[in-house]
PDB file of N, CA and C in Angstrom:
ATOM      1  N   UNK A   1     -23.581   0.453  -5.725  1.00  0.00           N
ATOM      2  CA  UNK A   1     -22.543  -0.368  -5.132  1.00  0.00           C
ATOM      3  C   UNK A   1     -21.250   0.448  -5.058  1.00  0.00           C
ATOM      4  N   UNK A   2     -20.556   0.379  -3.937  1.00  0.00           N
ATOM      5  CA  UNK A   2     -19.327   1.140  -3.741  1.00  0.00           C
ATOM      6  C   UNK A   2     -18.107   0.484  -4.355  1.00  0.00           C
ATOM      7  N   UNK A   3     -17.054   1.238  -4.409  1.00  0.00           N
ATOM      8  CA  UNK A   3     -15.790   0.737  -4.937  1.00  0.00           C
ATOM      9  C   UNK A   3     -15.167  -0.236  -3.949  1.00  0.00           C
ATOM     10  N   UNK A   4     -14.623  -1.308  -4.440  1.00  0.00           N
ATOM     11  CA  UNK A   4     -14.059  -2.346  -3.573  1.00  0.00           C
ATOM     12  C   UNK A   4     -12.599  -2.119  -3.228  1.00  0.00           C
ATOM     13  N   UNK A   5     -11.915  -1.270  -3.941  1.00  0.00           N
ATOM     14  CA  UNK A   5     -10.512  -1.037  -3.639  1.00  0.00           C
ATOM     15  C   UNK A   5      -9.599  -1.972  -4.408  1.00  0.00           C
ATOM     16  N   UNK A   6      -8.356  -1.984  -4.003  1.00  0.00           N
ATOM     17  CA  UNK A   6      -7.348  -2.791  -4.683  1.00  0.00           C
ATOM     18  C   UNK A   6      -7.070  -4.046  -3.873  1.00  0.00           C
ATOM     19  N   UNK A   7      -6.793  -5.168  -4.536  1.00  0.00           N
ATOM     20  CA  UNK A   7      -6.501  -6.405  -3.800  1.00  0.00           C
ATOM     21  C   UNK A   7      -5.176  -6.296  -3.039  1.00  0.00           C
ATOM     22  N   UNK A   8      -5.058  -7.034  -1.942  1.00  0.00           N
ATOM     23  CA  UNK A   8      -3.830  -6.987  -1.128  1.00  0.00           C
ATOM     24  C   UNK A   8      -2.566  -7.306  -1.927  1.00  0.00           C
ATOM     25  N   UNK A   9      -2.648  -8.214  -2.897  1.00  0.00           N
ATOM     26  CA  UNK A   9      -1.473  -8.573  -3.702  1.00  0.00           C
ATOM     27  C   UNK A   9      -0.967  -7.369  -4.497  1.00  0.00           C
ATOM     28  N   UNK A  10      -1.917  -6.589  -5.031  1.00  0.00           N
ATOM     29  CA  UNK A  10      -1.555  -5.397  -5.789  1.00  0.00           C
ATOM     30  C   UNK A  10      -0.897  -4.374  -4.874  1.00  0.00           C
ATOM     31  N   UNK A  11      -1.468  -4.187  -3.687  1.00  0.00           N
ATOM     32  CA  UNK A  11      -0.893  -3.242  -2.727  1.00  0.00           C
ATOM     33  C   UNK A  11       0.534  -3.636  -2.359  1.00  0.00           C
ATOM     34  N   UNK A  12       0.753  -4.931  -2.119  1.00  0.00           N
ATOM     35  CA  UNK A  12       2.108  -5.407  -1.783  1.00  0.00           C
ATOM     36  C   UNK A  12       3.076  -5.145  -2.940  1.00  0.00           C
ATOM     37  N   UNK A  13       2.603  -5.367  -4.177  1.00  0.00           N
ATOM     38  CA  UNK A  13       3.455  -5.133  -5.349  1.00  0.00           C
ATOM     39  C   UNK A  13       3.851  -3.657  -5.432  1.00  0.00           C
ATOM     40  N   UNK A  14       2.875  -2.778  -5.237  1.00  0.00           N
ATOM     41  CA  UNK A  14       3.141  -1.339  -5.301  1.00  0.00           C
ATOM     42  C   UNK A  14       4.135  -0.932  -4.223  1.00  0.00           C
ATOM     43  N   UNK A  15       3.917  -1.398  -2.993  1.00  0.00           N
ATOM     44  CA  UNK A  15       4.847  -1.056  -1.906  1.00  0.00           C
ATOM     45  C   UNK A  15       6.232  -1.627  -2.168  1.00  0.00           C
ATOM     46  N   UNK A  16       6.302  -2.788  -2.799  1.00  0.00           N
ATOM     47  CA  UNK A  16       7.588  -3.377  -3.161  1.00  0.00           C
ATOM     48  C   UNK A  16       8.333  -2.533  -4.181  1.00  0.00           C
ATOM     49  N   UNK A  17       7.600  -1.996  -5.147  1.00  0.00           N
ATOM     50  CA  UNK A  17       8.222  -1.121  -6.152  1.00  0.00           C
ATOM     51  C   UNK A  17       8.816   0.122  -5.507  1.00  0.00           C
ATOM     52  N   UNK A  18       8.051   0.721  -4.597  1.00  0.00           N
ATOM     53  CA  UNK A  18       8.527   1.928  -3.910  1.00  0.00           C
ATOM     54  C   UNK A  18       9.714   1.592  -3.009  1.00  0.00           C
ATOM     55  N   UNK A  19       9.632   0.470  -2.305  1.00  0.00           N
ATOM     56  CA  UNK A  19      10.738   0.057  -1.427  1.00  0.00           C
ATOM     57  C   UNK A  19      12.006  -0.233  -2.228  1.00  0.00           C
ATOM     58  N   UNK A  20      11.841  -0.668  -3.470  1.00  0.00           N
ATOM     59  CA  UNK A  20      12.991  -0.968  -4.321  1.00  0.00           C
ATOM     60  C   UNK A  20      13.616   0.293  -4.921  1.00  0.00           C
ATOM     61  N   UNK A  21      12.993   1.453  -4.655  1.00  0.00           N
ATOM     62  CA  UNK A  21      13.603   2.696  -5.103  1.00  0.00           C
ATOM     63  C   UNK A  21      12.872   3.440  -6.214  1.00  0.00           C
ATOM     64  N   UNK A  22      11.779   2.885  -6.718  1.00  0.00           N
ATOM     65  CA  UNK A  22      11.034   3.626  -7.742  1.00  0.00           C
ATOM     66  C   UNK A  22      10.333   4.811  -7.109  1.00  0.00           C
ATOM     67  N   UNK A  23      10.437   5.975  -7.698  1.00  0.00           N
ATOM     68  CA  UNK A  23       9.767   7.153  -7.145  1.00  0.00           C
ATOM     69  C   UNK A  23       8.246   6.981  -7.159  1.00  0.00           C
ATOM     70  N   UNK A  24       7.588   7.473  -6.116  1.00  0.00           N
ATOM     71  CA  UNK A  24       6.137   7.376  -6.015  1.00  0.00           C
ATOM     72  C   UNK A  24       5.482   8.008  -7.240  1.00  0.00           C
ATOM     73  N   UNK A  25       5.970   9.150  -7.679  1.00  0.00           N
ATOM     74  CA  UNK A  25       5.374   9.837  -8.826  1.00  0.00           C
ATOM     75  C   UNK A  25       5.419   8.958 -10.078  1.00  0.00           C
ATOM     76  N   UNK A  26       6.459   8.167 -10.233  1.00  0.00           N
ATOM     77  CA  UNK A  26       6.583   7.271 -11.383  1.00  0.00           C
ATOM     78  C   UNK A  26       5.585   6.107 -11.274  1.00  0.00           C
ATOM     79  N   UNK A  27       5.459   5.540 -10.090  1.00  0.00           N
ATOM     80  CA  UNK A  27       4.516   4.439  -9.866  1.00  0.00           C
ATOM     81  C   UNK A  27       3.086   4.927 -10.091  1.00  0.00           C
ATOM     82  N   UNK A  28       2.789   6.119  -9.601  1.00  0.00           N
ATOM     83  CA  UNK A  28       1.461   6.720  -9.790  1.00  0.00           C
ATOM     84  C   UNK A  28       1.150   6.855 -11.276  1.00  0.00           C
ATOM     85  N   UNK A  29       2.093   7.385 -12.009  1.00  0.00           N
ATOM     86  CA  UNK A  29       1.895   7.592 -13.445  1.00  0.00           C
ATOM     87  C   UNK A  29       1.735   6.261 -14.184  1.00  0.00           C
ATOM     88  N   UNK A  30       2.576   5.286 -13.871  1.00  0.00           N
ATOM     89  CA  UNK A  30       2.559   4.008 -14.585  1.00  0.00           C
ATOM     90  C   UNK A  30       1.334   3.154 -14.266  1.00  0.00           C
ATOM     91  N   UNK A  31       0.866   3.194 -13.017  1.00  0.00           N
ATOM     92  CA  UNK A  31      -0.228   2.311 -12.609  1.00  0.00           C
ATOM     93  C   UNK A  31      -1.578   3.004 -12.498  1.00  0.00           C
ATOM     94  N   UNK A  32      -1.584   4.327 -12.596  1.00  0.00           N
ATOM     95  CA  UNK A  32      -2.849   5.043 -12.569  1.00  0.00           C
ATOM     96  C   UNK A  32      -3.550   5.046 -11.221  1.00  0.00           C
ATOM     97  N   UNK A  33      -2.786   5.049 -10.147  1.00  0.00           N
ATOM     98  CA  UNK A  33      -3.350   5.127  -8.802  1.00  0.00           C
ATOM     99  C   UNK A  33      -2.916   6.450  -8.184  1.00  0.00           C
ATOM    100  N   UNK A  34      -3.516   6.797  -7.055  1.00  0.00           N
ATOM    101  CA  UNK A  34      -3.162   8.073  -6.438  1.00  0.00           C
ATOM    102  C   UNK A  34      -1.959   7.918  -5.508  1.00  0.00           C
ATOM    103  N   UNK A  35      -1.210   8.991  -5.385  1.00  0.00           N
ATOM    104  CA  UNK A  35      -0.076   8.997  -4.463  1.00  0.00           C
ATOM    105  C   UNK A  35      -0.570   8.814  -3.031  1.00  0.00           C
ATOM    106  N   UNK A  36      -1.728   9.401  -2.715  1.00  0.00           N
ATOM    107  CA  UNK A  36      -2.277   9.268  -1.370  1.00  0.00           C
ATOM    108  C   UNK A  36      -2.547   7.813  -1.027  1.00  0.00           C
ATOM    109  N   UNK A  37      -2.993   7.021  -1.989  1.00  0.00           N
ATOM    110  CA  UNK A  37      -3.209   5.592  -1.742  1.00  0.00           C
ATOM    111  C   UNK A  37      -1.900   4.920  -1.337  1.00  0.00           C
ATOM    112  N   UNK A  38      -0.839   5.220  -2.059  1.00  0.00           N
ATOM    113  CA  UNK A  38       0.456   4.610  -1.759  1.00  0.00           C
ATOM    114  C   UNK A  38       0.916   4.998  -0.362  1.00  0.00           C
ATOM    115  N   UNK A  39       0.805   6.274  -0.013  1.00  0.00           N
ATOM    116  CA  UNK A  39       1.230   6.716   1.311  1.00  0.00           C
ATOM    117  C   UNK A  39       0.371   6.090   2.414  1.00  0.00           C
ATOM    118  N   UNK A  40      -0.922   5.939   2.152  1.00  0.00           N
ATOM    119  CA  UNK A  40      -1.817   5.309   3.125  1.00  0.00           C
ATOM    120  C   UNK A  40      -1.455   3.839   3.315  1.00  0.00           C
ATOM    121  N   UNK A  41      -1.202   3.137   2.214  1.00  0.00           N
ATOM    122  CA  UNK A  41      -0.829   1.724   2.305  1.00  0.00           C
ATOM    123  C   UNK A  41       0.504   1.565   3.020  1.00  0.00           C
ATOM    124  N   UNK A  42       1.449   2.452   2.750  1.00  0.00           N
ATOM    125  CA  UNK A  42       2.763   2.372   3.396  1.00  0.00           C
ATOM    126  C   UNK A  42       2.632   2.600   4.901  1.00  0.00           C
ATOM    127  N   UNK A  43       1.809   3.556   5.284  1.00  0.00           N
ATOM    128  CA  UNK A  43       1.606   3.813   6.720  1.00  0.00           C
ATOM    129  C   UNK A  43       0.958   2.612   7.391  1.00  0.00           C
ATOM    130  N   UNK A  44      -0.065   2.034   6.754  1.00  0.00           N
ATOM    131  CA  UNK A  44      -0.723   0.869   7.332  1.00  0.00           C
ATOM    132  C   UNK A  44       0.237  -0.310   7.427  1.00  0.00           C
ATOM    133  N   UNK A  45       1.115  -0.452   6.459  1.00  0.00           N
ATOM    134  CA  UNK A  45       2.110  -1.522   6.491  1.00  0.00           C
ATOM    135  C   UNK A  45       3.047  -1.344   7.686  1.00  0.00           C
ATOM    136  N   UNK A  46       3.466  -0.104   7.944  1.00  0.00           N
ATOM    137  CA  UNK A  46       4.331   0.164   9.111  1.00  0.00           C
ATOM    138  C   UNK A  46       3.587  -0.142  10.412  1.00  0.00           C
ATOM    139  N   UNK A  47       2.309   0.200  10.468  1.00  0.00           N
ATOM    140  CA  UNK A  47       1.506  -0.095  11.657  1.00  0.00           C
ATOM    141  C   UNK A  47       1.389  -1.601  11.844  1.00  0.00           C
ATOM    142  N   UNK A  48       1.084  -2.316  10.767  1.00  0.00           N
ATOM    143  CA  UNK A  48       0.934  -3.773  10.840  1.00  0.00           C
ATOM    144  C   UNK A  48       2.219  -4.463  11.291  1.00  0.00           C
ATOM    145  N   UNK A  49       3.364  -3.878  10.947  1.00  0.00           N
ATOM    146  CA  UNK A  49       4.657  -4.451  11.332  1.00  0.00           C
ATOM    147  C   UNK A  49       5.093  -4.005  12.726  1.00  0.00           C
ATOM    148  N   UNK A  50       4.293  -3.148  13.375  1.00  0.00           N
ATOM    149  CA  UNK A  50       4.617  -2.678  14.712  1.00  0.00           C
ATOM    150  C   UNK A  50       5.651  -1.577  14.751  1.00  0.00           C
ATOM    151  N   UNK A  51       5.907  -0.950  13.620  1.00  0.00           N
ATOM    152  CA  UNK A  51       6.905   0.115  13.546  1.00  0.00           C
ATOM    153  C   UNK A  51       6.325   1.491  13.843  1.00  0.00           C
ATOM    154  N   UNK A  52       5.001   1.576  13.856  1.00  0.00           N
ATOM    155  CA  UNK A  52       4.318   2.846  14.071  1.00  0.00           C
ATOM    156  C   UNK A  52       3.046   2.547  14.868  1.00  0.00           C
ATOM    157  N   UNK A  53       2.674   3.425  15.797  1.00  0.00           N
ATOM    158  CA  UNK A  53       1.452   3.167  16.568  1.00  0.00           C
ATOM    159  C   UNK A  53       0.208   3.312  15.692  1.00  0.00           C
ATOM    160  N   UNK A  54      -0.795   2.528  16.008  1.00  0.00           N
ATOM    161  CA  UNK A  54      -2.054   2.577  15.277  1.00  0.00           C
ATOM    162  C   UNK A  54      -2.746   1.240  15.344  1.00  0.00           C
ATOM    163  N   UNK A  55      -3.877   1.130  14.697  1.00  0.00           N
ATOM    164  CA  UNK A  55      -4.639  -0.110  14.692  1.00  0.00           C
ATOM    165  C   UNK A  55      -4.187  -1.003  13.548  1.00  0.00           C
ATOM    166  N   UNK A  56      -3.714  -2.177  13.893  1.00  0.00           N
ATOM    167  CA  UNK A  56      -3.266  -3.134  12.886  1.00  0.00           C
ATOM    168  C   UNK A  56      -4.473  -3.753  12.192  1.00  0.00           C
ATOM    169  N   UNK A  57      -4.316  -4.037  10.929  1.00  0.00           N
ATOM    170  CA  UNK A  57      -5.343  -4.730  10.159  1.00  0.00           C
ATOM    171  C   UNK A  57      -5.004  -6.205  10.197  1.00  0.00           C
ATOM    172  N   UNK A  58      -5.905  -6.974  10.733  1.00  0.00           N
ATOM    173  CA  UNK A  58      -5.669  -8.427  10.810  1.00  0.00           C
ATOM    174  C   UNK A  58      -6.052  -9.035   9.481  1.00  0.00           C
ATOM    175  N   UNK A  59      -5.083  -9.687   8.867  1.00  0.00           N
ATOM    176  CA  UNK A  59      -5.307 -10.305   7.549  1.00  0.00           C
ATOM    177  C   UNK A  59      -5.241 -11.812   7.686  1.00  0.00           C
ATOM    178  N   UNK A  60      -6.118 -12.466   6.939  1.00  0.00           N
ATOM    179  CA  UNK A  60      -6.081 -13.927   6.918  1.00  0.00           C
ATOM    180  C   UNK A  60      -4.901 -14.374   6.064  1.00  0.00           C
ATOM    181  N   UNK A  61      -4.200 -15.329   6.546  1.00  0.00           N
ATOM    182  CA  UNK A  61      -3.074 -15.902   5.788  1.00  0.00           C
ATOM    183  C   UNK A  61      -3.542 -17.229   5.175  1.00  0.00           C
ATOM    184  N   UNK A  62      -3.257 -17.423   3.885  1.00  0.00           N
ATOM    185  CA  UNK A  62      -3.644 -18.671   3.218  1.00  0.00           C
ATOM    186  C   UNK A  62      -2.521 -19.664   3.281  1.00  0.00           C
TER     187      UNK A  62
END
């Protein structure tokens, strides 16, 4: 069975920490995730918001 990844709530929390000014290297160290994951999530977030070209991920809203 493959890895399922991180839940969307966790990704939003991580991006919020970085947006609030915490250095990526600090978030990586504290949460034990890769810097590449953070950069990938940030890029996808910009795409989803229409700020960068690419394929948006359609998410269900509860």
